[in-house]
C-alpha atoms as a PDB file:
ATOM      1  CA  MET A   1       0.361  -0.104  -0.087  1.00  0.00           C
ATOM      2  CA  VAL A   2       1.168   3.522  -0.709  1.00  0.00           C
ATOM      3  CA  ARG A   3      -0.105   6.716   1.319  1.00  0.00           C
ATOM      4  CA  LEU A   4      -0.943   9.740  -0.671  1.00  0.00           C
ATOM      5  CA  LYS A   5      -1.344  12.936   1.146  1.00  0.00           C
ATOM      6  CA  VAL A   6      -3.136  15.142  -1.634  1.00  0.00           C
ATOM      7  CA  THR A   7      -3.479  18.849  -1.559  1.00  0.00           C
ATOM      8  CA  ILE A   8      -6.920  20.326  -3.621  1.00  0.00           C
ATOM      9  CA  SER A   9      -9.020  23.316  -3.971  1.00  0.00           C
ATOM     10  CA  PHE A  10     -13.400  22.868  -4.287  1.00  0.00           C
ATOM     11  CA  LEU A  11     -15.943  25.583  -4.566  1.00  0.00           C
ATOM     12  CA  GLY A  12     -18.575  24.596  -2.159  1.00  0.00           C
ATOM     13  CA  LEU A  13     -21.852  25.985  -4.229  1.00  0.00           C
ATOM     14  CA  ASN A  14     -22.820  22.647  -5.602  1.00  0.00           C
ATOM     15  CA  PHE A  15     -21.464  20.468  -2.692  1.00  0.00           C
ATOM     16  CA  GLU A  16     -23.223  19.350   0.239  1.00  0.00           C
ATOM     17  CA  GLY A  17     -20.196  19.671   2.084  1.00  0.00           C
ATOM     18  CA  TRP A  18     -16.944  17.443   2.697  1.00  0.00           C
ATOM     19  CA  GLN A  19     -18.727  14.541   4.340  1.00  0.00           C
ATOM     20  CA  LYS A  20     -19.939  11.618   2.244  1.00  0.00           C
ATOM     21  CA  ILE A  21     -24.138  11.530   3.077  1.00  0.00           C
ATOM     22  CA  LYS A  22     -26.128   8.795   1.035  1.00  0.00           C
ATOM     23  CA  GLY A  23     -27.690  10.372  -2.065  1.00  0.00           C
ATOM     24  CA  LYS A  24     -25.942  13.596  -1.651  1.00  0.00           C
ATOM     25  CA  ARG A  25     -23.057  14.960  -3.943  1.00  0.00           C
ATOM     26  CA  THR A  26     -19.862  15.246  -1.692  1.00  0.00           C
ATOM     27  CA  VAL A  27     -16.673  16.158  -1.434  1.00  0.00           C
ATOM     28  CA  GLN A  28     -15.326  12.984  -0.536  1.00  0.00           C
ATOM     29  CA  ASP A  29     -18.096  10.901  -2.024  1.00  0.00           C
ATOM     30  CA  THR A  30     -16.814  12.171  -5.608  1.00  0.00           C
ATOM     31  CA  LEU A  31     -12.804  11.949  -4.824  1.00  0.00           C
ATOM     32  CA  GLU A  32     -13.625   8.267  -3.625  1.00  0.00           C
ATOM     33  CA  GLN A  33     -15.078   7.681  -6.612  1.00  0.00           C
ATOM     34  CA  ALA A  34     -12.320   9.240  -9.058  1.00  0.00           C
ATOM     35  CA  ILE A  35      -9.742   7.669  -6.950  1.00  0.00           C
ATOM     36  CA  ALA A  36     -11.266   3.760  -6.617  1.00  0.00           C
ATOM     37  CA  TYR A  37     -11.941   4.236 -10.416  1.00  0.00           C
ATOM     38  CA  ILE A  38      -8.213   4.788 -10.872  1.00  0.00           C
ATOM     39  CA  ASP A  39      -6.614   2.141  -8.466  1.00  0.00           C
ATOM     40  CA  CYS A  40      -9.347  -0.564  -9.390  1.00  0.00           C
ATOM     41  CA  SER A  41      -9.796  -1.330  -5.523  1.00  0.00           C
ATOM     42  CA  ASP A  42     -12.755  -0.019  -3.100  1.00  0.00           C
ATOM     43  CA  ILE A  43     -11.001   2.760  -0.823  1.00  0.00           C
ATOM     44  CA  SER A  44     -11.388   5.776   1.813  1.00  0.00           C
ATOM     45  CA  VAL A  45     -10.300   8.974   2.090  1.00  0.00           C
ATOM     46  CA  VAL A  46      -9.206  10.869   5.048  1.00  0.00           C
ATOM     47  CA  GLY A  47     -10.130  14.778   5.188  1.00  0.00           C
ATOM     48  CA  CYS A  48      -8.818  17.754   7.499  1.00  0.00           C
ATOM     49  CA  GLY A  49     -11.585  17.825   8.505  1.00  0.00           C
ATOM     50  CA  ARG A  50     -15.606  18.883   7.906  1.00  0.00           C
ATOM     51  CA  THR A  51     -16.551  21.803   5.560  1.00  0.00           C
ATOM     52  CA  ASP A  52     -20.458  22.725   5.652  1.00  0.00           C
ATOM     53  CA  LYS A  53     -22.519  22.474   2.555  1.00  0.00           C
ATOM     54  CA  HIS A  54     -21.443  25.201  -0.205  1.00  0.00           C
ATOM     55  CA  VAL A  55     -18.023  26.401   2.229  1.00  0.00           C
ATOM     56  CA  SER A  56     -15.395  26.175  -0.282  1.00  0.00           C
ATOM     57  CA  ALA A  57     -11.621  26.101   0.406  1.00  0.00           C
ATOM     58  CA  ASP A  58      -8.697  27.090  -1.284  1.00  0.00           C
ATOM     59  CA  HIS A  59      -6.018  24.325   0.309  1.00  0.00           C
ATOM     60  CA  TYR A  60      -7.578  21.490   1.494  1.00  0.00           C
ATOM     61  CA  VAL A  61      -5.601  18.347   2.320  1.00  0.00           C
ATOM     62  CA  PHE A  62      -6.388  14.291   2.624  1.00  0.00           C
ATOM     63  CA  HIS A  63      -4.991  11.207   2.881  1.00  0.00           C
ATOM     64  CA  VAL A  64      -5.549   7.883   0.790  1.00  0.00           C
ATOM     65  CA  ASP A  65      -3.903   4.757   0.703  1.00  0.00           C
ATOM     66  CA  VAL A  66      -3.835   3.196  -2.160  1.00  0.00           C
ATOM     67  CA  THR A  67      -2.314  -0.275  -4.397  1.00  0.00           C
ATOM     68  CA  LYS A  68      -0.813   1.882  -7.524  1.00  0.00           C
ATOM     69  CA  ASP A  69       2.937   3.005  -7.361  1.00  0.00           C
ATOM     70  CA  LEU A  70       1.999   5.699 -10.016  1.00  0.00           C
ATOM     71  CA  GLY A  71       4.370   8.123  -8.879  1.00  0.00           C
ATOM     72  CA  GLU A  72       3.287  11.903  -7.662  1.00  0.00           C
ATOM     73  CA  ALA A  73       2.719  13.659 -11.088  1.00  0.00           C
ATOM     74  CA  GLN A  74       0.749  10.655 -12.774  1.00  0.00           C
ATOM     75  CA  TRP A  75      -1.861  10.224  -9.722  1.00  0.00           C
ATOM     76  CA  LEU A  76      -2.001  13.987 -10.105  1.00  0.00           C
ATOM     77  CA  LYS A  77      -2.529  13.956 -13.623  1.00  0.00           C
ATOM     78  CA  ALA A  78      -5.068  11.009 -12.862  1.00  0.00           C
ATOM     79  CA  ILE A  79      -7.190  12.418 -10.068  1.00  0.00           C
ATOM     80  CA  ASN A  80      -7.788  15.421 -12.003  1.00  0.00           C
ATOM     81  CA  ALA A  81      -8.997  13.398 -15.204  1.00  0.00           C
ATOM     82  CA  ARG A  82     -11.313  11.735 -13.109  1.00  0.00           C
ATOM     83  CA  CYS A  83     -12.784  14.827 -10.869  1.00  0.00           C
ATOM     84  CA  PRO A  84     -15.187  17.610 -12.154  1.00  0.00           C
ATOM     85  CA  ASN A  85     -13.735  21.194 -12.644  1.00  0.00           C
ATOM     86  CA  ASP A  86     -15.457  21.899  -9.485  1.00  0.00           C
ATOM     87  CA  ILE A  87     -12.391  20.103  -7.513  1.00  0.00           C
ATOM     88  CA  HIS A  88      -8.335  20.514  -8.590  1.00  0.00           C
ATOM     89  CA  VAL A  89      -5.813  18.807  -7.395  1.00  0.00           C
ATOM     90  CA  SER A  90      -2.921  20.960  -7.180  1.00  0.00           C
ATOM     91  CA  GLU A  91      -0.360  18.799  -5.344  1.00  0.00           C
ATOM     92  CA  VAL A  92      -0.064  14.726  -4.819  1.00  0.00           C
ATOM     93  CA  ARG A  93       3.173  13.670  -2.640  1.00  0.00           C
ATOM     94  CA  VAL A  94       3.683  10.117  -1.406  1.00  0.00           C
ATOM     95  CA  VAL A  95       3.840  10.363   2.711  1.00  0.00           C
ATOM     96  CA  ASP A  96       4.536   6.891   5.445  1.00  0.00           C
ATOM     97  CA  ASP A  97       2.063   5.865   7.534  1.00  0.00           C
ATOM     98  CA  SER A  98       2.922   8.247  10.426  1.00  0.00           C
ATOM     99  CA  PHE A  99       1.209  10.969   8.561  1.00  0.00           C
ATOM    100  CA  HIS A 100      -2.525  11.439   9.242  1.00  0.00           C
ATOM    101  CA  ALA A 101      -4.585  14.234   6.921  1.00  0.00           C
ATOM    102  CA  ARG A 102      -6.981  15.429  10.493  1.00  0.00           C
ATOM    103  CA  PHE A 103      -4.923  14.359  13.504  1.00  0.00           C
ATOM    104  CA  SER A 104      -1.795  15.810  11.921  1.00  0.00           C
ATOM    105  CA  VAL A 105      -2.989  19.439  11.113  1.00  0.00           C
ATOM    106  CA  LYS A 106      -1.457  22.005  13.250  1.00  0.00           C
ATOM    107  CA  LYS A 107      -3.405  24.933  12.316  1.00  0.00           C
ATOM    108  CA  LYS A 108      -6.377  25.610  10.180  1.00  0.00           C
ATOM    109  CA  ARG A 109      -7.266  29.365   8.477  1.00  0.00           C
ATOM    110  CA  TYR A 110     -10.531  29.738   7.514  1.00  0.00           C
ATOM    111  CA  VAL A 111     -11.294  33.454   5.620  1.00  0.00           C
ATOM    112  CA  TYR A 112     -14.886  34.586   5.290  1.00  0.00           C
ATOM    113  CA  THR A 113     -15.388  37.447   2.828  1.00  0.00           C
ATOM    114  CA  ILE A 114     -18.420  39.939   2.901  1.00  0.00           C
ATOM    115  CA  ARG A 115     -18.960  42.041  -0.290  1.00  0.00           C
ATOM    116  CA  THR A 116     -20.303  45.585   0.964  1.00  0.00           C
ATOM    117  CA  GLY A 117     -19.982  47.164  -2.148  1.00  0.00           C
ATOM    118  CA  ASN A 118     -21.521  46.811  -5.588  1.00  0.00           C
ATOM    119  CA  TYR A 119     -22.772  43.273  -6.158  1.00  0.00           C
ATOM    120  CA  GLN A 120     -20.577  41.067  -8.044  1.00  0.00           C
ATOM    121  CA  VAL A 121     -22.396  38.173  -9.920  1.00  0.00           C
ATOM    122  CA  LYS A 122     -18.975  36.385 -10.404  1.00  0.00           C
ATOM    123  CA  ASN A 123     -18.075  35.743  -7.066  1.00  0.00           C
ATOM    124  CA  ILE A 124     -21.602  34.945  -5.756  1.00  0.00           C
ATOM    125  CA  ALA A 125     -20.291  31.498  -5.115  1.00  0.00           C
ATOM    126  CA  HIS A 126     -17.833  32.219  -2.681  1.00  0.00           C
ATOM    127  CA  GLU A 127     -18.850  36.180  -1.317  1.00  0.00           C
ATOM    128  CA  TYR A 128     -21.363  36.614   0.932  1.00  0.00           C
ATOM    129  CA  TYR A 129     -23.305  39.841  -0.428  1.00  0.00           C
ATOM    130  CA  HIS A 130     -24.702  42.196   2.227  1.00  0.00           C
ATOM    131  CA  ARG A 131     -27.052  44.839   1.320  1.00  0.00           C
ATOM    132  CA  TYR A 132     -26.855  47.198   4.398  1.00  0.00           C
ATOM    133  CA  PRO A 133     -23.866  49.209   6.200  1.00  0.00           C
ATOM    134  CA  LEU A 134     -21.371  47.481   8.315  1.00  0.00           C
ATOM    135  CA  ASP A 135     -19.498  49.645  11.032  1.00  0.00           C
ATOM    136  CA  GLY A 136     -16.003  47.721   9.917  1.00  0.00           C
ATOM    137  CA  GLN A 137     -13.988  49.641  13.295  1.00  0.00           C
ATOM    138  CA  LYS A 138     -16.525  48.138  15.501  1.00  0.00           C
ATOM    139  CA  MET A 139     -15.793  44.080  13.736  1.00  0.00           C
ATOM    140  CA  ILE A 140     -12.251  45.183  14.122  1.00  0.00           C
ATOM    141  CA  GLU A 141     -12.502  46.170  17.965  1.00  0.00           C
ATOM    142  CA  ALA A 142     -15.015  43.383  18.523  1.00  0.00           C
ATOM    143  CA  ALA A 143     -12.994  40.703  16.761  1.00  0.00           C
ATOM    144  CA  LYS A 144     -10.348  40.769  19.076  1.00  0.00           C
ATOM    145  CA  SER A 145     -12.356  39.521  22.333  1.00  0.00           C
ATOM    146  CA  PHE A 146     -12.089  36.007  20.235  1.00  0.00           C
ATOM    147  CA  VAL A 147      -7.892  35.810  20.124  1.00  0.00           C
ATOM    148  CA  GLY A 148      -6.787  33.536  23.084  1.00  0.00           C
ATOM    149  CA  THR A 149      -8.154  30.463  24.704  1.00  0.00           C
ATOM    150  CA  HIS A 150     -12.140  30.584  25.275  1.00  0.00           C
ATOM    151  CA  ASP A 151     -14.780  28.111  26.208  1.00  0.00           C
ATOM    152  CA  PHE A 152     -16.489  28.485  23.034  1.00  0.00           C
ATOM    153  CA  THR A 153     -19.913  27.065  24.305  1.00  0.00           C
ATOM    154  CA  GLY A 154     -21.963  29.765  23.266  1.00  0.00           C
ATOM    155  CA  PHE A 155     -20.431  30.004  19.772  1.00  0.00           C
ATOM    156  CA  ASN A 156     -21.481  26.176  18.614  1.00  0.00           C
ATOM    157  CA  VAL A 157     -23.770  23.939  18.195  1.00  0.00           C
ATOM    158  CA  THR A 158     -22.186  20.701  18.835  1.00  0.00           C
ATOM    159  CA  PRO A 159     -24.225  19.113  22.056  1.00  0.00           C
ATOM    160  CA  LYS A 160     -22.537  19.180  25.303  1.00  0.00           C
ATOM    161  CA  LYS A 161     -23.119  15.589  25.645  1.00  0.00           C
ATOM    162  CA  LEU A 162     -21.288  14.608  22.244  1.00  0.00           C
ATOM    163  CA  LYS A 163     -18.047  17.284  23.144  1.00  0.00           C
ATOM    164  CA  GLU A 164     -18.089  18.113  26.896  1.00  0.00           C
ATOM    165  CA  ASN A 165     -15.049  20.212  26.497  1.00  0.00           C
ATOM    166  CA  GLN A 166     -15.488  22.791  24.121  1.00  0.00           C
ATOM    167  CA  ILE A 167     -12.553  25.171  24.759  1.00  0.00           C
ATOM    168  CA  ARG A 168     -10.346  26.195  21.849  1.00  0.00           C
ATOM    169  CA  THR A 169      -7.736  28.687  21.345  1.00  0.00           C
ATOM    170  CA  ILE A 170      -7.672  31.114  18.482  1.00  0.00           C
ATOM    171  CA  ASP A 171      -4.822  32.259  17.906  1.00  0.00           C
ATOM    172  CA  GLU A 172      -5.529  35.010  14.942  1.00  0.00           C
ATOM    173  CA  CYS A 173      -9.050  36.738  14.612  1.00  0.00           C
ATOM    174  CA  HIS A 174      -8.305  39.732  12.268  1.00  0.00           C
ATOM    175  CA  VAL A 175     -10.857  41.758  10.673  1.00  0.00           C
ATOM    176  CA  SER A 176      -9.448  43.760   7.088  1.00  0.00           C
ATOM    177  CA  VAL A 177     -11.823  46.294   5.469  1.00  0.00           C
ATOM    178  CA  SER A 178     -12.006  47.539   2.113  1.00  0.00           C
ATOM    179  CA  GLU A 179     -14.072  49.652  -0.057  1.00  0.00           C
ATOM    180  CA  ASP A 180     -15.954  46.978  -0.957  1.00  0.00           C
ATOM    181  CA  THR A 181     -15.473  44.052   0.838  1.00  0.00           C
ATOM    182  CA  ILE A 182     -15.146  43.175   4.961  1.00  0.00           C
ATOM    183  CA  VAL A 183     -12.453  39.946   5.134  1.00  0.00           C
ATOM    184  CA  ILE A 184     -12.484  38.127   8.345  1.00  0.00           C
ATOM    185  CA  SER A 185      -9.197  35.564   8.863  1.00  0.00           C
ATOM    186  CA  VAL A 186     -10.163  33.064  11.777  1.00  0.00           C
ATOM    187  CA  LEU A 187      -6.300  31.027  12.451  1.00  0.00           C
ATOM    188  CA  GLY A 188      -6.618  28.011  15.247  1.00  0.00           C
ATOM    189  CA  LYS A 189      -6.228  24.384  15.537  1.00  0.00           C
ATOM    190  CA  ALA A 190      -9.275  23.023  15.899  1.00  0.00           C
ATOM    191  CA  PHE A 191     -12.953  24.218  15.614  1.00  0.00           C
ATOM    192  CA  LEU A 192     -16.507  22.749  16.702  1.00  0.00           C
ATOM    193  CA  GLN A 193     -19.417  22.736  14.482  1.00  0.00           C
ATOM    194  CA  TYR A 194     -20.577  26.100  12.724  1.00  0.00           C
ATOM    195  CA  GLN A 195     -17.947  27.426  15.040  1.00  0.00           C
ATOM    196  CA  VAL A 196     -16.604  30.156  12.687  1.00  0.00           C
ATOM    197  CA  ARG A 197     -19.766  30.796  11.348  1.00  0.00           C
ATOM    198  CA  MET A 198     -21.593  32.059  14.549  1.00  0.00           C
ATOM    199  CA  MET A 199     -18.092  34.040  15.090  1.00  0.00           C
ATOM    200  CA  VAL A 200     -18.519  35.944  12.138  1.00  0.00           C
ATOM    201  CA  GLY A 201     -22.374  36.179  12.660  1.00  0.00           C
ATOM    202  CA  VAL A 202     -22.054  38.024  15.646  1.00  0.00           C
ATOM    203  CA  LEU A 203     -19.182  40.132  13.920  1.00  0.00           C
ATOM    204  CA  ILE A 204     -21.524  40.900  11.555  1.00  0.00           C
ATOM    205  CA  ALA A 205     -24.382  41.587  13.981  1.00  0.00           C
ATOM    206  CA  ILE A 206     -22.152  43.780  15.925  1.00  0.00           C
ATOM    207  CA  GLY A 207     -21.325  45.670  12.564  1.00  0.00           C
ATOM    208  CA  SER A 208     -25.244  46.015  12.195  1.00  0.00           C
ATOM    209  CA  ASN A 209     -25.324  47.681  15.548  1.00  0.00           C
ATOM    210  CA  GLN A 210     -27.711  44.599  16.734  1.00  0.00           C
ATOM    211  CA  GLU A 211     -25.524  44.130  18.991  1.00  0.00           C
ATOM    212  CA  ASP A 212     -23.050  46.532  21.662  1.00  0.00           C
ATOM    213  CA  VAL A 213     -18.956  45.378  20.883  1.00  0.00           C
ATOM    214  CA  ASP A 214     -18.696  43.873  24.514  1.00  0.00           C
ATOM    215  CA  PHE A 215     -21.788  41.203  23.466  1.00  0.00           C
ATOM    216  CA  ILE A 216     -18.577  39.217  22.250  1.00  0.00           C
ATOM    217  CA  ASP A 217     -17.487  38.742  25.694  1.00  0.00           C
ATOM    218  CA  GLN A 218     -20.921  37.859  27.455  1.00  0.00           C
ATOM    219  CA  VAL A 219     -21.578  35.088  25.672  1.00  0.00           C
ATOM    220  CA  LEU A 220     -17.956  33.884  26.259  1.00  0.00           C
ATOM    221  CA  THR A 221     -18.227  34.479  29.958  1.00  0.00           C
ATOM    222  CA  GLN A 222     -21.971  32.912  30.267  1.00  0.00           C
ATOM    223  CA  LYS A 223     -20.828  29.923  28.510  1.00  0.00           C
ATOM    224  CA  GLN A 224     -24.225  28.789  27.274  1.00  0.00           C
ATOM    225  CA  LYS A 225     -25.666  27.579  24.388  1.00  0.00           C
ATOM    226  CA  GLY A 226     -28.664  29.688  22.559  1.00  0.00           C
ATOM    227  CA  ILE A 227     -27.033  32.872  23.996  1.00  0.00           C
ATOM    228  CA  SER A 228     -26.076  34.278  20.610  1.00  0.00           C
ATOM    229  CA  ARG A 229     -28.454  33.379  17.547  1.00  0.00           C
ATOM    230  CA  PHE A 230     -26.207  34.537  14.919  1.00  0.00           C
ATOM    231  CA  LYS A 231     -24.600  32.555  11.972  1.00  0.00           C
ATOM    232  CA  ALA A 232     -23.161  33.581   9.196  1.00  0.00           C
ATOM    233  CA  GLU A 233     -24.151  31.906   5.635  1.00  0.00           C
ATOM    234  CA  ALA A 234     -22.233  28.836   4.635  1.00  0.00           C
ATOM    235  CA  ILE A 235     -21.324  30.975   0.895  1.00  0.00           C
ATOM    236  CA  GLY A 236     -18.737  33.666   1.556  1.00  0.00           C
ATOM    237  CA  LEU A 237     -16.887  30.584   3.855  1.00  0.00           C
ATOM    238  CA  THR A 238     -13.497  29.779   2.271  1.00  0.00           C
ATOM    239  CA  LEU A 239     -11.251  27.401   4.153  1.00  0.00           C
ATOM    240  CA  LYS A 240      -7.529  29.511   3.304  1.00  0.00           C
ATOM    241  CA  GLU A 241      -4.848  27.304   4.542  1.00  0.00           C
ATOM    242  CA  VAL A 242      -4.084  23.927   6.334  1.00  0.00           C
ATOM    243  CA  PHE A 243      -0.592  23.735   8.425  1.00  0.00           C
ATOM    244  CA  TYR A 244       1.536  20.593   8.928  1.00  0.00           C
ATOM    245  CA  ASP A 245       4.583  20.138  10.440  1.00  0.00           C
END
């Protein structure tokens, strides 16, 4: 057996997310069908994490164990030849069995793009269009509250009975404001279900003057589900980078 580390990008618009769902078009299932055809065997691809329906990725990593030793360049060409045009393989590397696409991850960077200026039809698959003014300076100030190690119980939907420990560390949460867009960049090792989208959602609410800048601190302190009702649309969220040693 040969273990391949594969780096891809994909456009999430027409996918139901990464993870296989019976009867649905997912990134994982599409890749498994493509690679199984090439390898002439039943295979299973292991991703660096789950992405939601309509979430895109500029840099996503998975590993797969195959029987054919075609070489890195030939595997790259072969997988791309079998993939639809909304998935693209940028790199294939042969690695040893110690590499695990999910467990070997050190950091992930997610980027959320909000278009606040003129509507751009060509960007509807990866930008969230916000029709009303946003106070970018408030969002910049509020985002600082996310940085550090906190209990994110109030900013995700993972049930406590499923995952009791909901403490996570955010290394960066940066808001960049330009004339036409607001871009939110979040860096951390691991995230809970909808965590990034709920973080972005409350920043949009603060920028819309629906909540005060200190609302994030209140939710983090109370550590309860349902206090923050805000969740950003999946369109707009992109997995930008995955970091390994």
